[in-house]
Amino acid sequence: MEKIDYKKLGMEIKIHRLRAEISQSDLARQIGISQSHLCNVENGRLSPSLRLLLSLRKLLGCNIDELLIEASSESQGKQM
């Protein structure tokens, strides 16, 4: 079974947020969570809920696979 690296997942969320040019506080407000909660997710200290991932997908214009594939342990062993 694949393991999710929450630090990498948080980094992917942050990268997509920055590409969308949305501040952390604005994104947190739009999702309905505190900025500190989003900060903890982006830094890998908290794992995001499915609800949070679905909200991020809509607001950041990405799909969950884009976020999770980079954060899975399986992707660490694959080199292209």
PDB file of N, CA and C in Angstrom:
ATOM      1  N   MET A   1       0.841  -1.184   0.000  1.00  0.00           N
ATOM      2  CA  MET A   1       0.000   0.000   0.000  1.00  0.00           C
ATOM      3  C   MET A   1       0.883   1.244   0.000  1.00  0.00           C
ATOM      4  N   GLU A   2       0.460   2.246  -0.754  1.00  0.00           N
ATOM      5  CA  GLU A   2       1.221   3.483  -0.828  1.00  0.00           C
ATOM      6  C   GLU A   2       1.043   4.296   0.442  1.00  0.00           C
ATOM      7  N   LYS A   3       2.107   4.938   0.860  1.00  0.00           N
ATOM      8  CA  LYS A   3       2.058   5.857   1.992  1.00  0.00           C
ATOM      9  C   LYS A   3       2.102   7.272   1.462  1.00  0.00           C
ATOM     10  N   ILE A   4       1.369   8.130   2.119  1.00  0.00           N
ATOM     11  CA  ILE A   4       1.356   9.531   1.718  1.00  0.00           C
ATOM     12  C   ILE A   4       2.342  10.304   2.581  1.00  0.00           C
ATOM     13  N   ASP A   5       3.208  11.040   1.933  1.00  0.00           N
ATOM     14  CA  ASP A   5       4.140  11.924   2.618  1.00  0.00           C
ATOM     15  C   ASP A   5       3.423  13.272   2.761  1.00  0.00           C
ATOM     16  N   TYR A   6       2.932  13.556   3.966  1.00  0.00           N
ATOM     17  CA  TYR A   6       2.118  14.758   4.171  1.00  0.00           C
ATOM     18  C   TYR A   6       2.923  16.042   4.009  1.00  0.00           C
ATOM     19  N   LYS A   7       4.210  15.977   4.190  1.00  0.00           N
ATOM     20  CA  LYS A   7       5.051  17.149   3.955  1.00  0.00           C
ATOM     21  C   LYS A   7       5.073  17.480   2.454  1.00  0.00           C
ATOM     22  N   LYS A   8       5.211  16.432   1.622  1.00  0.00           N
ATOM     23  CA  LYS A   8       5.187  16.638   0.172  1.00  0.00           C
ATOM     24  C   LYS A   8       3.800  17.058  -0.301  1.00  0.00           C
ATOM     25  N   LEU A   9       2.767  16.468   0.276  1.00  0.00           N
ATOM     26  CA  LEU A   9       1.404  16.847  -0.079  1.00  0.00           C
ATOM     27  C   LEU A   9       1.170  18.327   0.232  1.00  0.00           C
ATOM     28  N   GLY A  10       1.608  18.755   1.397  1.00  0.00           N
ATOM     29  CA  GLY A  10       1.477  20.160   1.768  1.00  0.00           C
ATOM     30  C   GLY A  10       2.223  21.076   0.824  1.00  0.00           C
ATOM     31  N   MET A  11       3.406  20.632   0.388  1.00  0.00           N
ATOM     32  CA  MET A  11       4.195  21.426  -0.552  1.00  0.00           C
ATOM     33  C   MET A  11       3.470  21.531  -1.895  1.00  0.00           C
ATOM     34  N   GLU A  12       2.849  20.447  -2.343  1.00  0.00           N
ATOM     35  CA  GLU A  12       2.079  20.477  -3.593  1.00  0.00           C
ATOM     36  C   GLU A  12       0.898  21.433  -3.480  1.00  0.00           C
ATOM     37  N   ILE A  13       0.236  21.422  -2.341  1.00  0.00           N
ATOM     38  CA  ILE A  13      -0.879  22.348  -2.118  1.00  0.00           C
ATOM     39  C   ILE A  13      -0.371  23.785  -2.183  1.00  0.00           C
ATOM     40  N   LYS A  14       0.739  24.038  -1.530  1.00  0.00           N
ATOM     41  CA  LYS A  14       1.313  25.382  -1.526  1.00  0.00           C
ATOM     42  C   LYS A  14       1.712  25.820  -2.930  1.00  0.00           C
ATOM     43  N   ILE A  15       2.329  24.936  -3.690  1.00  0.00           N
ATOM     44  CA  ILE A  15       2.745  25.257  -5.063  1.00  0.00           C
ATOM     45  C   ILE A  15       1.529  25.625  -5.905  1.00  0.00           C
ATOM     46  N   HIS A  16       0.463  24.826  -5.809  1.00  0.00           N
ATOM     47  CA  HIS A  16      -0.746  25.122  -6.576  1.00  0.00           C
ATOM     48  C   HIS A  16      -1.380  26.442  -6.115  1.00  0.00           C
ATOM     49  N   ARG A  17      -1.336  26.708  -4.820  1.00  0.00           N
ATOM     50  CA  ARG A  17      -1.886  27.960  -4.296  1.00  0.00           C
ATOM     51  C   ARG A  17      -1.113  29.160  -4.839  1.00  0.00           C
ATOM     52  N   LEU A  18       0.206  29.063  -4.835  1.00  0.00           N
ATOM     53  CA  LEU A  18       1.032  30.156  -5.335  1.00  0.00           C
ATOM     54  C   LEU A  18       0.842  30.360  -6.833  1.00  0.00           C
ATOM     55  N   ARG A  19       0.718  29.265  -7.579  1.00  0.00           N
ATOM     56  CA  ARG A  19       0.462  29.375  -9.022  1.00  0.00           C
ATOM     57  C   ARG A  19      -0.871  30.068  -9.296  1.00  0.00           C
ATOM     58  N   ALA A  20      -1.845  29.824  -8.442  1.00  0.00           N
ATOM     59  CA  ALA A  20      -3.163  30.447  -8.588  1.00  0.00           C
ATOM     60  C   ALA A  20      -3.170  31.879  -8.052  1.00  0.00           C
ATOM     61  N   GLU A  21      -2.050  32.297  -7.483  1.00  0.00           N
ATOM     62  CA  GLU A  21      -1.885  33.641  -6.928  1.00  0.00           C
ATOM     63  C   GLU A  21      -2.947  33.956  -5.876  1.00  0.00           C
ATOM     64  N   ILE A  22      -3.126  32.997  -4.963  1.00  0.00           N
ATOM     65  CA  ILE A  22      -4.061  33.154  -3.855  1.00  0.00           C
ATOM     66  C   ILE A  22      -3.259  33.154  -2.559  1.00  0.00           C
ATOM     67  N   SER A  23      -3.503  34.128  -1.717  1.00  0.00           N
ATOM     68  CA  SER A  23      -2.798  34.160  -0.435  1.00  0.00           C
ATOM     69  C   SER A  23      -3.316  33.042   0.466  1.00  0.00           C
ATOM     70  N   GLN A  24      -2.509  32.695   1.419  1.00  0.00           N
ATOM     71  CA  GLN A  24      -2.894  31.644   2.366  1.00  0.00           C
ATOM     72  C   GLN A  24      -4.156  32.051   3.134  1.00  0.00           C
ATOM     73  N   SER A  25      -4.224  33.294   3.541  1.00  0.00           N
ATOM     74  CA  SER A  25      -5.393  33.743   4.309  1.00  0.00           C
ATOM     75  C   SER A  25      -6.658  33.753   3.450  1.00  0.00           C
ATOM     76  N   ASP A  26      -6.543  34.164   2.183  1.00  0.00           N
ATOM     77  CA  ASP A  26      -7.716  34.157   1.296  1.00  0.00           C
ATOM     78  C   ASP A  26      -8.206  32.739   1.020  1.00  0.00           C
ATOM     79  N   LEU A  27      -7.276  31.834   0.768  1.00  0.00           N
ATOM     80  CA  LEU A  27      -7.664  30.449   0.501  1.00  0.00           C
ATOM     81  C   LEU A  27      -8.313  29.827   1.730  1.00  0.00           C
ATOM     82  N   ALA A  28      -7.740  30.046   2.879  1.00  0.00           N
ATOM     83  CA  ALA A  28      -8.305  29.506   4.116  1.00  0.00           C
ATOM     84  C   ALA A  28      -9.727  30.029   4.332  1.00  0.00           C
ATOM     85  N   ARG A  29      -9.923  31.317   4.095  1.00  0.00           N
ATOM     86  CA  ARG A  29     -11.247  31.915   4.266  1.00  0.00           C
ATOM     87  C   ARG A  29     -12.250  31.304   3.293  1.00  0.00           C
ATOM     88  N   GLN A  30     -11.839  31.107   2.042  1.00  0.00           N
ATOM     89  CA  GLN A  30     -12.730  30.535   1.029  1.00  0.00           C
ATOM     90  C   GLN A  30     -13.107  29.089   1.348  1.00  0.00           C
ATOM     91  N   ILE A  31     -12.191  28.362   1.956  1.00  0.00           N
ATOM     92  CA  ILE A  31     -12.442  26.959   2.308  1.00  0.00           C
ATOM     93  C   ILE A  31     -13.243  26.854   3.604  1.00  0.00           C
ATOM     94  N   GLY A  32     -13.097  27.849   4.462  1.00  0.00           N
ATOM     95  CA  GLY A  32     -13.802  27.823   5.737  1.00  0.00           C
ATOM     96  C   GLY A  32     -12.979  27.233   6.872  1.00  0.00           C
ATOM     97  N   ILE A  33     -11.657  27.407   6.774  1.00  0.00           N
ATOM     98  CA  ILE A  33     -10.759  26.963   7.849  1.00  0.00           C
ATOM     99  C   ILE A  33      -9.896  28.148   8.265  1.00  0.00           C
ATOM    100  N   SER A  34      -9.197  27.999   9.373  1.00  0.00           N
ATOM    101  CA  SER A  34      -8.312  29.076   9.816  1.00  0.00           C
ATOM    102  C   SER A  34      -7.022  29.063   8.992  1.00  0.00           C
ATOM    103  N   GLN A  35      -6.382  30.222   8.948  1.00  0.00           N
ATOM    104  CA  GLN A  35      -5.110  30.315   8.239  1.00  0.00           C
ATOM    105  C   GLN A  35      -4.074  29.407   8.893  1.00  0.00           C
ATOM    106  N   SER A  36      -4.103  29.300  10.213  1.00  0.00           N
ATOM    107  CA  SER A  36      -3.128  28.445  10.902  1.00  0.00           C
ATOM    108  C   SER A  36      -3.340  26.976  10.549  1.00  0.00           C
ATOM    109  N   HIS A  37      -4.601  26.570  10.348  1.00  0.00           N
ATOM    110  CA  HIS A  37      -4.880  25.189   9.938  1.00  0.00           C
ATOM    111  C   HIS A  37      -4.283  24.933   8.555  1.00  0.00           C
ATOM    112  N   LEU A  38      -4.521  25.855   7.612  1.00  0.00           N
ATOM    113  CA  LEU A  38      -3.962  25.712   6.270  1.00  0.00           C
ATOM    114  C   LEU A  38      -2.439  25.719   6.318  1.00  0.00           C
ATOM    115  N   CYS A  39      -1.867  26.570   7.127  1.00  0.00           N
ATOM    116  CA  CYS A  39      -0.414  26.614   7.292  1.00  0.00           C
ATOM    117  C   CYS A  39       0.112  25.265   7.777  1.00  0.00           C
ATOM    118  N   ASN A  40      -0.571  24.668   8.747  1.00  0.00           N
ATOM    119  CA  ASN A  40      -0.155  23.359   9.259  1.00  0.00           C
ATOM    120  C   ASN A  40      -0.278  22.266   8.200  1.00  0.00           C
ATOM    121  N   VAL A  41      -1.293  22.345   7.352  1.00  0.00           N
ATOM    122  CA  VAL A  41      -1.435  21.384   6.248  1.00  0.00           C
ATOM    123  C   VAL A  41      -0.294  21.573   5.255  1.00  0.00           C
ATOM    124  N   GLU A  42      -0.034  22.821   4.875  1.00  0.00           N
ATOM    125  CA  GLU A  42       1.033  23.103   3.904  1.00  0.00           C
ATOM    126  C   GLU A  42       2.410  22.696   4.427  1.00  0.00           C
ATOM    127  N   ASN A  43       2.592  22.715   5.726  1.00  0.00           N
ATOM    128  CA  ASN A  43       3.883  22.340   6.308  1.00  0.00           C
ATOM    129  C   ASN A  43       3.953  20.867   6.712  1.00  0.00           C
ATOM    130  N   GLY A  44       2.890  20.117   6.439  1.00  0.00           N
ATOM    131  CA  GLY A  44       2.895  18.683   6.712  1.00  0.00           C
ATOM    132  C   GLY A  44       2.660  18.308   8.158  1.00  0.00           C
ATOM    133  N   ARG A  45       2.253  19.260   8.978  1.00  0.00           N
ATOM    134  CA  ARG A  45       1.995  18.960  10.388  1.00  0.00           C
ATOM    135  C   ARG A  45       0.600  18.373  10.608  1.00  0.00           C
ATOM    136  N   LEU A  46      -0.318  18.642   9.683  1.00  0.00           N
ATOM    137  CA  LEU A  46      -1.678  18.083   9.733  1.00  0.00           C
ATOM    138  C   LEU A  46      -1.990  17.439   8.395  1.00  0.00           C
ATOM    139  N   SER A  47      -2.722  16.344   8.434  1.00  0.00           N
ATOM    140  CA  SER A  47      -3.170  15.735   7.176  1.00  0.00           C
ATOM    141  C   SER A  47      -4.516  16.341   6.804  1.00  0.00           C
ATOM    142  N   PRO A  48      -4.694  16.694   5.527  1.00  0.00           N
ATOM    143  CA  PRO A  48      -5.953  17.304   5.113  1.00  0.00           C
ATOM    144  C   PRO A  48      -7.077  16.281   5.038  1.00  0.00           C
ATOM    145  N   SER A  49      -8.269  16.712   5.363  1.00  0.00           N
ATOM    146  CA  SER A  49      -9.444  15.848   5.241  1.00  0.00           C
ATOM    147  C   SER A  49      -9.828  15.738   3.771  1.00  0.00           C
ATOM    148  N   LEU A  50     -10.663  14.773   3.471  1.00  0.00           N
ATOM    149  CA  LEU A  50     -11.160  14.628   2.111  1.00  0.00           C
ATOM    150  C   LEU A  50     -11.947  15.873   1.709  1.00  0.00           C
ATOM    151  N   ARG A  51     -12.733  16.412   2.634  1.00  0.00           N
ATOM    152  CA  ARG A  51     -13.494  17.632   2.359  1.00  0.00           C
ATOM    153  C   ARG A  51     -12.567  18.778   1.979  1.00  0.00           C
ATOM    154  N   LEU A  52     -11.466  18.906   2.699  1.00  0.00           N
ATOM    155  CA  LEU A  52     -10.498  19.958   2.413  1.00  0.00           C
ATOM    156  C   LEU A  52      -9.868  19.742   1.029  1.00  0.00           C
ATOM    157  N   LEU A  53      -9.493  18.501   0.716  1.00  0.00           N
ATOM    158  CA  LEU A  53      -8.905  18.213  -0.594  1.00  0.00           C
ATOM    159  C   LEU A  53      -9.887  18.519  -1.725  1.00  0.00           C
ATOM    160  N   LEU A  54     -11.150  18.196  -1.524  1.00  0.00           N
ATOM    161  CA  LEU A  54     -12.162  18.487  -2.543  1.00  0.00           C
ATOM    162  C   LEU A  54     -12.341  19.990  -2.724  1.00  0.00           C
ATOM    163  N   SER A  55     -12.307  20.738  -1.642  1.00  0.00           N
ATOM    164  CA  SER A  55     -12.401  22.197  -1.724  1.00  0.00           C
ATOM    165  C   SER A  55     -11.187  22.782  -2.437  1.00  0.00           C
ATOM    166  N   LEU A  56     -10.012  22.270  -2.115  1.00  0.00           N
ATOM    167  CA  LEU A  56      -8.785  22.737  -2.761  1.00  0.00           C
ATOM    168  C   LEU A  56      -8.820  22.471  -4.257  1.00  0.00           C
ATOM    169  N   ARG A  57      -9.323  21.309  -4.617  1.00  0.00           N
ATOM    170  CA  ARG A  57      -9.420  20.931  -6.033  1.00  0.00           C
ATOM    171  C   ARG A  57     -10.202  21.982  -6.806  1.00  0.00           C
ATOM    172  N   LYS A  58     -11.311  22.399  -6.260  1.00  0.00           N
ATOM    173  CA  LYS A  58     -12.148  23.392  -6.944  1.00  0.00           C
ATOM    174  C   LYS A  58     -11.463  24.755  -7.006  1.00  0.00           C
ATOM    175  N   LEU A  59     -10.953  25.203  -5.891  1.00  0.00           N
ATOM    176  CA  LEU A  59     -10.405  26.562  -5.805  1.00  0.00           C
ATOM    177  C   LEU A  59      -9.057  26.718  -6.504  1.00  0.00           C
ATOM    178  N   LEU A  60      -8.262  25.648  -6.544  1.00  0.00           N
ATOM    179  CA  LEU A  60      -6.938  25.738  -7.146  1.00  0.00           C
ATOM    180  C   LEU A  60      -6.903  25.240  -8.589  1.00  0.00           C
ATOM    181  N   GLY A  61      -8.021  24.721  -9.067  1.00  0.00           N
ATOM    182  CA  GLY A  61      -8.075  24.271 -10.452  1.00  0.00           C
ATOM    183  C   GLY A  61      -7.204  23.064 -10.740  1.00  0.00           C
ATOM    184  N   CYS A  62      -7.118  22.172  -9.800  1.00  0.00           N
ATOM    185  CA  CYS A  62      -6.339  20.949  -9.993  1.00  0.00           C
ATOM    186  C   CYS A  62      -7.198  19.767  -9.573  1.00  0.00           C
ATOM    187  N   ASN A  63      -6.692  18.561  -9.779  1.00  0.00           N
ATOM    188  CA  ASN A  63      -7.433  17.411  -9.276  1.00  0.00           C
ATOM    189  C   ASN A  63      -6.663  16.782  -8.127  1.00  0.00           C
ATOM    190  N   ILE A  64      -7.334  15.981  -7.376  1.00  0.00           N
ATOM    191  CA  ILE A  64      -6.715  15.375  -6.190  1.00  0.00           C
ATOM    192  C   ILE A  64      -5.524  14.506  -6.570  1.00  0.00           C
ATOM    193  N   ASP A  65      -5.617  13.833  -7.708  1.00  0.00           N
ATOM    194  CA  ASP A  65      -4.509  12.990  -8.159  1.00  0.00           C
ATOM    195  C   ASP A  65      -3.218  13.790  -8.298  1.00  0.00           C
ATOM    196  N   GLU A  66      -3.315  15.001  -8.827  1.00  0.00           N
ATOM    197  CA  GLU A  66      -2.125  15.833  -8.992  1.00  0.00           C
ATOM    198  C   GLU A  66      -1.421  16.057  -7.655  1.00  0.00           C
ATOM    199  N   LEU A  67      -2.206  16.238  -6.629  1.00  0.00           N
ATOM    200  CA  LEU A  67      -1.638  16.476  -5.308  1.00  0.00           C
ATOM    201  C   LEU A  67      -1.097  15.192  -4.682  1.00  0.00           C
ATOM    202  N   LEU A  68      -1.876  14.127  -4.776  1.00  0.00           N
ATOM    203  CA  LEU A  68      -1.532  12.878  -4.083  1.00  0.00           C
ATOM    204  C   LEU A  68      -0.425  12.086  -4.756  1.00  0.00           C
ATOM    205  N   ILE A  69      -0.363  12.094  -6.075  1.00  0.00           N
ATOM    206  CA  ILE A  69       0.656  11.294  -6.764  1.00  0.00           C
ATOM    207  C   ILE A  69       2.049  11.755  -6.374  1.00  0.00           C
ATOM    208  N   GLU A  70       2.252  13.051  -6.315  1.00  0.00           N
ATOM    209  CA  GLU A  70       3.566  13.575  -5.922  1.00  0.00           C
ATOM    210  C   GLU A  70       3.894  13.274  -4.466  1.00  0.00           C
ATOM    211  N   ALA A  71       2.871  13.092  -3.657  1.00  0.00           N
ATOM    212  CA  ALA A  71       3.083  12.890  -2.222  1.00  0.00           C
ATOM    213  C   ALA A  71       3.122  11.416  -1.821  1.00  0.00           C
ATOM    214  N   SER A  72       2.870  10.504  -2.752  1.00  0.00           N
ATOM    215  CA  SER A  72       2.846   9.084  -2.392  1.00  0.00           C
ATOM    216  C   SER A  72       4.252   8.500  -2.366  1.00  0.00           C
ATOM    217  N   SER A  73       4.438   7.483  -1.553  1.00  0.00           N
ATOM    218  CA  SER A  73       5.745   6.838  -1.449  1.00  0.00           C
ATOM    219  C   SER A  73       6.099   6.103  -2.722  1.00  0.00           C
ATOM    220  N   GLU A  74       5.092   5.694  -3.505  1.00  0.00           N
ATOM    221  CA  GLU A  74       5.357   4.988  -4.751  1.00  0.00           C
ATOM    222  C   GLU A  74       6.088   5.873  -5.727  1.00  0.00           C
ATOM    223  N   SER A  75       5.764   7.171  -5.753  1.00  0.00           N
ATOM    224  CA  SER A  75       6.407   8.078  -6.701  1.00  0.00           C
ATOM    225  C   SER A  75       7.883   8.306  -6.365  1.00  0.00           C
ATOM    226  N   GLN A  76       8.266   8.038  -5.110  1.00  0.00           N
ATOM    227  CA  GLN A  76       9.652   8.242  -4.710  1.00  0.00           C
ATOM    228  C   GLN A  76      10.582   7.248  -5.392  1.00  0.00           C
ATOM    229  N   GLY A  77      10.093   6.053  -5.667  1.00  0.00           N
ATOM    230  CA  GLY A  77      10.930   5.027  -6.274  1.00  0.00           C
ATOM    231  C   GLY A  77      10.950   5.062  -7.782  1.00  0.00           C
ATOM    232  N   LYS A  78      10.087   5.849  -8.401  1.00  0.00           N
ATOM    233  CA  LYS A  78      10.007   5.907  -9.853  1.00  0.00           C
ATOM    234  C   LYS A  78      10.766   7.098 -10.385  1.00  0.00           C
ATOM    235  N   GLN A  79      11.618   6.857 -11.304  1.00  0.00           N
ATOM    236  CA  GLN A  79      12.365   7.921 -11.964  1.00  0.00           C
ATOM    237  C   GLN A  79      12.047   7.868 -13.449  1.00  0.00           C
ATOM    238  N   MET A  80      11.800   9.006 -14.052  1.00  0.00           N
ATOM    239  CA  MET A  80      11.522   9.039 -15.494  1.00  0.00           C
ATOM    240  C   MET A  80      12.645   9.693 -16.212  1.00  0.00           C
TER     241      MET A  80
END
